[in-house]
């Protein structure tokens, strides 16, 4: 029986992401495994593109920033005193932070990346590294299996290591 990508299947995709000029952005070393069917496990445009596909079929999805990681938001860049950070600070290190202006109800935890280190200041960028970029997502379906009842109930796929009872 030739399974197709459908709601409540766990899909494995081999993928790569380039920018519109063909520069590699993400080589997709690890395959992407997600629960298909509107669980927000993956970008909706990609989910739509692979819906109904069989193993071995490929799709190319061209995504504008809005479809992918959002527009670049200059307000997410913050400058903090160097003294607030550990000594062994490096470019690219990540820290969790709450977006400024977020009230307690709506504490969106953002990952801030260190993008610049000056003598007494550190520049942190809360944008996703791919924010503001149009992306071309090329993927091939390499696996499809029915989701388990647990996965459907939790709304995401489980790997074998994950046997918590939440």
N, C-alpha and C. Protein backbone atom coordinates (compact mmCIF):
# COMPACT_ATOMS: atom_id res chain seq x y z
N UNK A 1 0.85 -1.20 0.00
CA UNK A 1 0.00 0.00 0.00
C UNK A 1 0.88 1.24 0.00
N UNK A 2 0.56 2.14 -0.86
CA UNK A 2 1.39 3.34 -0.99
C UNK A 2 0.79 4.45 -0.13
N UNK A 3 1.40 4.66 1.03
CA UNK A 3 0.85 5.69 1.92
C UNK A 3 1.08 7.08 1.35
N UNK A 4 0.16 7.97 1.67
CA UNK A 4 0.33 9.36 1.28
C UNK A 4 0.31 10.23 2.52
N UNK A 5 0.93 11.39 2.39
CA UNK A 5 0.93 12.35 3.48
C UNK A 5 -0.52 12.82 3.68
N UNK A 6 -1.02 12.62 4.88
CA UNK A 6 -2.40 12.99 5.19
C UNK A 6 -2.46 13.42 6.65
N UNK A 7 -3.61 13.92 7.06
CA UNK A 7 -3.78 14.34 8.46
C UNK A 7 -3.46 13.16 9.37
N UNK A 8 -2.76 13.46 10.47
CA UNK A 8 -2.41 12.46 11.46
C UNK A 8 -1.46 11.38 10.94
N UNK A 9 -0.59 11.78 10.01
CA UNK A 9 0.56 10.92 9.70
C UNK A 9 1.81 11.64 10.20
N UNK A 10 2.81 10.84 10.57
CA UNK A 10 4.10 11.40 10.94
C UNK A 10 4.98 11.31 9.70
N UNK A 11 5.46 12.47 9.27
CA UNK A 11 6.15 12.57 7.99
C UNK A 11 7.62 12.89 8.23
N UNK A 12 8.48 12.22 7.48
CA UNK A 12 9.91 12.51 7.52
C UNK A 12 10.30 13.15 6.19
N UNK A 13 10.95 14.30 6.29
CA UNK A 13 11.37 15.04 5.10
C UNK A 13 12.88 15.22 5.11
N UNK A 14 13.52 14.90 4.00
CA UNK A 14 14.89 15.35 3.77
C UNK A 14 14.75 16.71 3.14
N UNK A 15 15.47 17.70 3.63
CA UNK A 15 15.22 19.04 3.13
C UNK A 15 16.51 19.83 3.05
N UNK A 16 16.44 20.91 2.26
CA UNK A 16 17.48 21.92 2.31
C UNK A 16 16.80 23.25 2.07
N UNK A 17 17.43 24.29 2.57
CA UNK A 17 16.87 25.63 2.44
C UNK A 17 17.94 26.52 1.81
N UNK A 18 17.53 27.25 0.77
CA UNK A 18 18.44 28.22 0.18
C UNK A 18 17.75 29.58 0.17
N UNK A 19 18.54 30.61 -0.10
CA UNK A 19 17.91 31.92 -0.33
C UNK A 19 17.54 31.97 -1.82
N UNK A 20 16.84 33.01 -2.25
CA UNK A 20 16.39 33.03 -3.65
C UNK A 20 17.52 32.99 -4.67
N UNK A 21 18.74 33.32 -4.26
CA UNK A 21 19.88 33.26 -5.18
C UNK A 21 20.55 31.89 -5.18
N UNK A 22 19.99 30.95 -4.41
CA UNK A 22 20.56 29.61 -4.40
C UNK A 22 21.64 29.40 -3.37
N UNK A 23 21.92 30.41 -2.53
CA UNK A 23 22.91 30.23 -1.46
C UNK A 23 22.32 29.34 -0.38
N UNK A 24 23.06 28.33 0.03
CA UNK A 24 22.56 27.40 1.04
C UNK A 24 22.43 28.10 2.39
N UNK A 25 21.27 27.96 3.01
CA UNK A 25 21.00 28.59 4.30
C UNK A 25 20.98 27.52 5.39
N UNK A 26 20.40 26.36 5.05
CA UNK A 26 20.30 25.26 6.02
C UNK A 26 20.43 23.98 5.21
N UNK A 27 21.49 23.22 5.48
CA UNK A 27 21.73 22.02 4.69
C UNK A 27 20.84 20.87 5.14
N UNK A 28 20.10 21.06 6.22
CA UNK A 28 19.19 20.01 6.66
C UNK A 28 19.91 18.71 7.00
N UNK A 29 20.96 18.80 7.82
CA UNK A 29 21.71 17.58 8.19
C UNK A 29 20.78 16.52 8.79
N UNK A 30 19.91 16.97 9.67
CA UNK A 30 18.96 16.06 10.29
C UNK A 30 17.65 16.14 9.52
N UNK A 31 17.03 14.99 9.22
CA UNK A 31 15.72 15.08 8.55
C UNK A 31 14.70 15.74 9.48
N UNK A 32 13.69 16.29 8.87
CA UNK A 32 12.62 16.95 9.60
C UNK A 32 11.51 15.92 9.79
N UNK A 33 11.10 15.69 11.03
CA UNK A 33 10.03 14.74 11.29
C UNK A 33 8.93 15.49 12.01
N UNK A 34 7.72 15.43 11.49
CA UNK A 34 6.66 16.22 12.11
C UNK A 34 5.32 15.52 11.97
N UNK A 35 4.37 15.94 12.80
CA UNK A 35 3.01 15.42 12.75
C UNK A 35 2.22 16.29 11.79
N UNK A 36 1.70 15.67 10.72
CA UNK A 36 1.01 16.39 9.66
C UNK A 36 -0.47 16.57 9.99
N UNK A 37 -1.00 17.74 9.67
CA UNK A 37 -2.43 17.93 9.82
C UNK A 37 -2.81 19.18 10.58
N UNK A 38 -2.04 20.25 10.43
CA UNK A 38 -2.45 21.51 11.03
C UNK A 38 -2.10 21.65 12.49
N UNK A 39 -1.06 20.94 12.94
CA UNK A 39 -0.66 21.03 14.36
C UNK A 39 0.39 22.11 14.58
N UNK A 40 0.68 22.90 13.56
CA UNK A 40 1.71 23.93 13.65
C UNK A 40 3.07 23.36 13.99
N UNK A 41 3.32 22.15 13.55
CA UNK A 41 4.61 21.51 13.77
C UNK A 41 5.62 21.97 12.71
N UNK A 42 5.10 22.58 11.66
CA UNK A 42 5.94 22.93 10.50
C UNK A 42 5.23 24.11 9.83
N UNK A 43 5.95 24.85 8.98
CA UNK A 43 5.31 25.98 8.31
C UNK A 43 4.11 25.51 7.49
N UNK A 44 2.97 26.19 7.62
CA UNK A 44 1.76 25.77 6.89
C UNK A 44 1.97 25.62 5.39
N UNK A 45 2.77 26.50 4.79
CA UNK A 45 2.97 26.40 3.33
C UNK A 45 3.65 25.10 2.94
N UNK A 46 4.57 24.65 3.78
CA UNK A 46 5.26 23.40 3.47
C UNK A 46 4.30 22.24 3.67
N UNK A 47 3.52 22.33 4.75
CA UNK A 47 2.55 21.28 5.01
C UNK A 47 1.58 21.14 3.84
N UNK A 48 1.10 22.27 3.33
CA UNK A 48 0.19 22.22 2.18
C UNK A 48 0.87 21.59 0.98
N UNK A 49 2.14 21.94 0.78
CA UNK A 49 2.84 21.45 -0.42
C UNK A 49 3.04 19.94 -0.38
N UNK A 50 3.32 19.38 0.80
CA UNK A 50 3.60 17.93 0.84
C UNK A 50 2.33 17.11 1.05
N UNK A 51 1.21 17.76 1.31
CA UNK A 51 -0.04 17.02 1.54
C UNK A 51 -0.37 16.17 0.31
N UNK A 52 -0.65 14.90 0.53
CA UNK A 52 -1.02 14.02 -0.57
C UNK A 52 0.17 13.42 -1.32
N UNK A 53 1.39 13.81 -0.94
CA UNK A 53 2.56 13.26 -1.62
C UNK A 53 2.89 11.88 -1.06
N UNK A 54 3.64 11.12 -1.85
CA UNK A 54 4.08 9.78 -1.44
C UNK A 54 5.59 9.81 -1.21
N UNK A 55 6.09 8.73 -0.61
CA UNK A 55 7.53 8.63 -0.36
C UNK A 55 8.28 8.77 -1.69
N UNK A 56 9.32 9.56 -1.68
CA UNK A 56 10.14 9.77 -2.86
C UNK A 56 9.76 11.01 -3.65
N UNK A 57 8.58 11.56 -3.37
CA UNK A 57 8.19 12.77 -4.10
C UNK A 57 8.81 14.00 -3.44
N UNK A 58 9.11 14.99 -4.27
CA UNK A 58 9.76 16.21 -3.79
C UNK A 58 8.89 17.43 -4.07
N UNK A 59 9.05 18.44 -3.25
CA UNK A 59 8.39 19.71 -3.50
C UNK A 59 9.40 20.82 -3.28
N UNK A 60 9.14 21.93 -3.95
CA UNK A 60 9.93 23.14 -3.74
C UNK A 60 8.96 24.23 -3.33
N UNK A 61 9.19 24.81 -2.16
CA UNK A 61 8.28 25.82 -1.64
C UNK A 61 9.05 27.12 -1.52
N UNK A 62 8.56 28.16 -2.20
CA UNK A 62 9.20 29.48 -2.10
C UNK A 62 8.42 30.30 -1.09
N UNK A 63 9.10 30.71 -0.04
CA UNK A 63 8.43 31.40 1.05
C UNK A 63 8.94 32.82 1.18
N UNK A 64 8.02 33.77 1.30
CA UNK A 64 8.36 35.14 1.64
C UNK A 64 8.63 35.19 3.15
N UNK A 65 9.29 36.25 3.62
CA UNK A 65 9.57 36.33 5.07
C UNK A 65 8.32 36.09 5.93
N UNK A 66 7.18 36.63 5.50
CA UNK A 66 5.95 36.44 6.27
C UNK A 66 5.57 34.98 6.41
N UNK A 67 5.90 34.18 5.40
CA UNK A 67 5.54 32.76 5.43
C UNK A 67 6.54 31.97 6.26
N UNK A 68 7.70 32.54 6.49
CA UNK A 68 8.77 31.80 7.14
C UNK A 68 9.02 32.37 8.53
N UNK A 69 10.12 33.10 8.70
CA UNK A 69 10.51 33.53 10.04
C UNK A 69 10.15 34.98 10.33
N UNK A 70 9.29 35.57 9.49
CA UNK A 70 8.84 36.93 9.77
C UNK A 70 9.78 37.99 9.22
N UNK A 71 9.28 39.20 9.22
CA UNK A 71 10.11 40.33 8.78
C UNK A 71 11.14 40.62 9.87
N UNK A 72 12.24 41.23 9.48
CA UNK A 72 13.25 41.62 10.46
C UNK A 72 12.70 42.76 11.30
N UNK A 73 12.78 42.62 12.61
CA UNK A 73 12.21 43.61 13.52
C UNK A 73 13.33 44.30 14.28
N UNK A 74 13.61 45.54 13.90
CA UNK A 74 14.73 46.28 14.51
C UNK A 74 14.50 46.51 16.00
N UNK A 75 13.25 46.48 16.46
CA UNK A 75 13.01 46.71 17.89
C UNK A 75 13.47 45.52 18.74
N UNK A 76 13.79 44.41 18.10
CA UNK A 76 14.25 43.24 18.87
C UNK A 76 15.75 43.25 19.09
N UNK A 77 16.40 44.32 18.65
CA UNK A 77 17.84 44.43 18.88
C UNK A 77 18.05 45.27 20.13
N UNK A 78 18.80 44.74 21.07
CA UNK A 78 19.02 45.45 22.34
C UNK A 78 20.51 45.55 22.62
N UNK A 79 20.86 46.65 23.26
CA UNK A 79 22.25 46.83 23.67
C UNK A 79 22.28 46.76 25.19
N UNK A 80 23.10 45.88 25.72
CA UNK A 80 23.15 45.68 27.17
C UNK A 80 24.58 45.91 27.65
N UNK A 81 24.73 46.28 28.93
CA UNK A 81 26.09 46.43 29.47
C UNK A 81 26.84 45.10 29.47
N UNK A 82 28.09 45.16 29.10
CA UNK A 82 28.93 43.95 29.04
C UNK A 82 28.98 43.25 30.40
N UNK A 83 28.86 44.04 31.48
CA UNK A 83 29.01 43.48 32.82
C UNK A 83 27.90 42.48 33.17
N UNK A 84 26.80 42.48 32.41
CA UNK A 84 25.71 41.56 32.72
C UNK A 84 25.95 40.16 32.17
N UNK A 85 27.06 39.95 31.49
CA UNK A 85 27.26 38.69 30.79
C UNK A 85 28.46 37.94 31.34
N UNK A 86 28.47 36.63 31.15
CA UNK A 86 29.61 35.84 31.63
C UNK A 86 30.90 36.24 30.91
N UNK A 87 32.02 35.92 31.52
CA UNK A 87 33.31 36.31 30.95
C UNK A 87 33.54 35.69 29.59
N UNK A 88 33.15 34.42 29.46
CA UNK A 88 33.49 33.72 28.21
C UNK A 88 32.39 33.94 27.16
N UNK A 89 32.11 35.20 26.90
CA UNK A 89 31.06 35.55 25.95
C UNK A 89 31.60 35.44 24.53
N UNK A 90 30.80 34.84 23.64
CA UNK A 90 31.22 34.72 22.24
C UNK A 90 30.09 35.16 21.33
N UNK A 91 30.47 35.61 20.13
CA UNK A 91 29.48 35.93 19.11
C UNK A 91 28.66 34.67 18.83
N UNK A 92 27.37 34.87 18.65
CA UNK A 92 26.52 33.72 18.33
C UNK A 92 25.95 33.03 19.55
N UNK A 93 26.46 33.34 20.74
CA UNK A 93 25.89 32.73 21.95
C UNK A 93 24.45 33.18 22.08
N UNK A 94 23.63 32.33 22.68
CA UNK A 94 22.21 32.63 22.78
C UNK A 94 21.78 32.75 24.23
N UNK A 95 20.89 33.71 24.47
CA UNK A 95 20.33 33.91 25.80
C UNK A 95 18.83 34.04 25.66
N UNK A 96 18.12 33.55 26.67
CA UNK A 96 16.68 33.76 26.65
C UNK A 96 16.36 35.10 27.26
N UNK A 97 15.39 35.77 26.69
CA UNK A 97 14.99 37.05 27.25
C UNK A 97 13.52 37.27 26.93
N UNK A 98 12.93 38.22 27.61
CA UNK A 98 11.54 38.54 27.35
C UNK A 98 11.52 39.81 26.51
N UNK A 99 10.67 39.82 25.50
CA UNK A 99 10.59 40.99 24.64
C UNK A 99 10.21 42.20 25.48
N UNK A 100 10.88 43.31 25.22
CA UNK A 100 10.56 44.53 25.97
C UNK A 100 9.15 44.96 25.65
N UNK A 101 8.46 45.46 26.66
CA UNK A 101 7.11 45.92 26.44
C UNK A 101 6.09 44.79 26.53
N UNK A 102 6.57 43.58 26.77
CA UNK A 102 5.61 42.47 26.94
C UNK A 102 5.10 42.54 28.37
N UNK A 103 3.79 42.45 28.54
CA UNK A 103 3.29 42.45 29.92
C UNK A 103 3.32 41.03 30.46
N UNK A 104 3.03 40.88 31.73
CA UNK A 104 3.21 39.58 32.38
C UNK A 104 2.36 38.50 31.73
N UNK A 105 1.18 38.90 31.25
CA UNK A 105 0.30 37.92 30.62
C UNK A 105 1.01 37.26 29.45
N UNK A 106 1.76 38.09 28.73
CA UNK A 106 2.13 37.75 27.37
C UNK A 106 3.64 37.68 27.32
N UNK A 107 4.23 36.87 28.20
CA UNK A 107 5.69 36.83 28.24
C UNK A 107 6.19 35.95 27.12
N UNK A 108 6.45 36.57 25.99
CA UNK A 108 7.03 35.83 24.90
C UNK A 108 8.51 35.72 25.18
N UNK A 109 8.97 34.51 25.43
CA UNK A 109 10.40 34.34 25.63
C UNK A 109 11.05 34.29 24.26
N UNK A 110 12.00 35.16 24.07
CA UNK A 110 12.73 35.20 22.81
C UNK A 110 14.13 34.68 23.04
N UNK A 111 14.71 34.14 22.00
CA UNK A 111 16.12 33.77 22.07
C UNK A 111 16.89 34.94 21.46
N UNK A 112 17.76 35.52 22.26
CA UNK A 112 18.59 36.62 21.77
C UNK A 112 19.96 36.08 21.43
N UNK A 113 20.45 36.44 20.26
CA UNK A 113 21.78 36.04 19.81
C UNK A 113 22.73 37.20 20.00
N UNK A 114 23.92 36.91 20.47
CA UNK A 114 24.95 37.94 20.58
C UNK A 114 25.49 38.20 19.19
N UNK A 115 25.30 39.43 18.69
CA UNK A 115 25.76 39.74 17.33
C UNK A 115 26.95 40.67 17.32
N UNK A 116 27.23 41.29 18.47
CA UNK A 116 28.37 42.20 18.53
C UNK A 116 28.82 42.32 19.98
N UNK A 117 30.12 42.37 20.19
CA UNK A 117 30.64 42.56 21.54
C UNK A 117 31.62 43.72 21.48
N UNK A 118 31.28 44.79 22.18
CA UNK A 118 32.21 45.92 22.26
C UNK A 118 32.85 45.88 23.65
N UNK A 119 33.66 46.87 23.98
CA UNK A 119 34.37 46.83 25.26
C UNK A 119 33.40 46.76 26.41
N UNK A 120 32.39 47.60 26.40
CA UNK A 120 31.53 47.62 27.58
C UNK A 120 30.07 47.39 27.21
N UNK A 121 29.83 46.99 25.96
CA UNK A 121 28.45 46.75 25.55
C UNK A 121 28.34 45.49 24.71
N UNK A 122 27.15 44.90 24.80
CA UNK A 122 26.87 43.70 24.03
C UNK A 122 25.60 43.96 23.23
N UNK A 123 25.64 43.64 21.94
CA UNK A 123 24.44 43.79 21.11
C UNK A 123 23.77 42.42 21.00
N UNK A 124 22.49 42.41 21.35
CA UNK A 124 21.70 41.18 21.29
C UNK A 124 20.61 41.35 20.25
N UNK A 125 20.40 40.32 19.46
CA UNK A 125 19.38 40.37 18.42
C UNK A 125 18.37 39.25 18.67
N UNK A 126 17.12 39.64 18.89
CA UNK A 126 16.06 38.67 19.16
C UNK A 126 15.39 38.15 17.91
N UNK A 127 15.83 38.62 16.74
CA UNK A 127 15.28 38.11 15.50
C UNK A 127 15.82 36.72 15.20
N UNK A 128 15.02 35.88 14.58
CA UNK A 128 15.53 34.61 14.09
C UNK A 128 16.61 34.93 13.06
N UNK A 129 17.67 34.11 13.01
CA UNK A 129 18.75 34.41 12.05
C UNK A 129 18.24 34.54 10.61
N UNK A 130 17.12 33.92 10.30
CA UNK A 130 16.60 33.96 8.94
C UNK A 130 15.46 34.97 8.78
N UNK A 131 15.21 35.78 9.81
CA UNK A 131 14.14 36.78 9.70
C UNK A 131 14.43 37.72 8.55
N UNK A 132 13.37 38.13 7.86
CA UNK A 132 13.51 39.08 6.78
C UNK A 132 13.98 38.47 5.47
N UNK A 133 14.22 37.17 5.46
CA UNK A 133 14.71 36.52 4.24
C UNK A 133 13.59 35.76 3.56
N UNK A 134 13.58 35.84 2.24
CA UNK A 134 12.76 34.91 1.46
C UNK A 134 13.55 33.60 1.39
N UNK A 135 12.88 32.48 1.50
CA UNK A 135 13.57 31.20 1.55
C UNK A 135 12.97 30.25 0.52
N UNK A 136 13.81 29.40 -0.01
CA UNK A 136 13.36 28.35 -0.91
C UNK A 136 13.62 27.03 -0.20
N UNK A 137 12.54 26.32 0.08
CA UNK A 137 12.58 25.11 0.88
C UNK A 137 12.36 23.93 -0.07
N UNK A 138 13.37 23.10 -0.23
CA UNK A 138 13.27 21.94 -1.11
C UNK A 138 13.22 20.70 -0.23
N UNK A 139 12.19 19.90 -0.38
CA UNK A 139 12.15 18.71 0.47
C UNK A 139 11.61 17.51 -0.27
N UNK A 140 12.05 16.34 0.20
CA UNK A 140 11.64 15.06 -0.35
C UNK A 140 11.04 14.25 0.79
N UNK A 141 9.88 13.67 0.54
CA UNK A 141 9.25 12.82 1.54
C UNK A 141 10.02 11.51 1.60
N UNK A 142 10.57 11.18 2.78
CA UNK A 142 11.33 9.93 2.91
C UNK A 142 10.67 8.94 3.84
N UNK A 143 9.64 9.40 4.57
CA UNK A 143 8.96 8.47 5.47
C UNK A 143 7.57 8.96 5.79
N UNK A 144 6.63 8.02 5.88
CA UNK A 144 5.26 8.34 6.29
C UNK A 144 4.79 7.19 7.16
N UNK A 145 4.26 7.50 8.33
CA UNK A 145 3.66 6.44 9.14
C UNK A 145 2.45 7.01 9.84
N UNK A 146 1.50 6.14 10.19
CA UNK A 146 0.35 6.65 10.95
C UNK A 146 0.82 7.16 12.31
N UNK A 147 0.25 8.28 12.76
CA UNK A 147 0.58 8.79 14.10
C UNK A 147 -0.09 7.89 15.14
N UNK A 148 0.51 7.84 16.32
CA UNK A 148 -0.12 7.09 17.41
C UNK A 148 -1.21 7.97 18.04
N UNK A 149 -2.08 7.34 18.79
CA UNK A 149 -3.15 8.09 19.47
C UNK A 149 -2.55 9.15 20.40
N UNK A 150 -1.44 8.81 21.07
CA UNK A 150 -0.77 9.75 21.97
C UNK A 150 -0.28 10.97 21.21
N UNK A 151 0.34 10.73 20.06
CA UNK A 151 0.88 11.83 19.27
C UNK A 151 -0.25 12.75 18.83
N UNK A 152 -1.36 12.16 18.41
CA UNK A 152 -2.49 12.97 17.95
C UNK A 152 -3.04 13.77 19.13
N UNK A 153 -3.12 13.14 20.28
CA UNK A 153 -3.66 13.83 21.46
C UNK A 153 -2.75 15.00 21.86
N UNK A 154 -1.44 14.78 21.81
CA UNK A 154 -0.51 15.83 22.22
C UNK A 154 -0.24 16.84 21.11
N UNK A 155 -0.59 16.48 19.87
CA UNK A 155 -0.42 17.42 18.77
C UNK A 155 1.00 17.54 18.27
N UNK A 156 1.86 16.57 18.59
CA UNK A 156 3.21 16.56 18.01
C UNK A 156 3.74 15.14 18.04
N UNK A 157 4.74 14.87 17.21
CA UNK A 157 5.26 13.51 17.17
C UNK A 157 6.14 13.25 18.38
N UNK A 158 6.23 11.99 18.76
CA UNK A 158 7.10 11.59 19.87
C UNK A 158 8.22 10.74 19.31
N UNK A 159 9.43 10.99 19.82
CA UNK A 159 10.46 10.03 19.46
C UNK A 159 10.58 9.05 20.61
N UNK A 160 11.38 8.02 20.42
CA UNK A 160 11.36 6.94 21.39
C UNK A 160 11.86 7.36 22.76
N UNK A 161 12.75 8.36 22.79
CA UNK A 161 13.28 8.76 24.09
C UNK A 161 12.20 9.44 24.95
N UNK A 162 11.13 9.86 24.30
CA UNK A 162 10.16 10.72 24.98
C UNK A 162 9.05 9.85 25.57
N UNK A 163 9.19 9.46 26.82
CA UNK A 163 8.11 8.64 27.37
C UNK A 163 7.56 9.28 28.63
N UNK A 164 7.44 10.61 28.60
CA UNK A 164 6.87 11.28 29.76
C UNK A 164 5.36 11.13 29.73
N UNK A 165 4.75 11.28 30.89
CA UNK A 165 3.32 11.01 30.99
C UNK A 165 2.50 12.28 31.05
N UNK A 166 2.97 13.37 30.40
CA UNK A 166 2.18 14.59 30.56
C UNK A 166 0.89 14.53 29.76
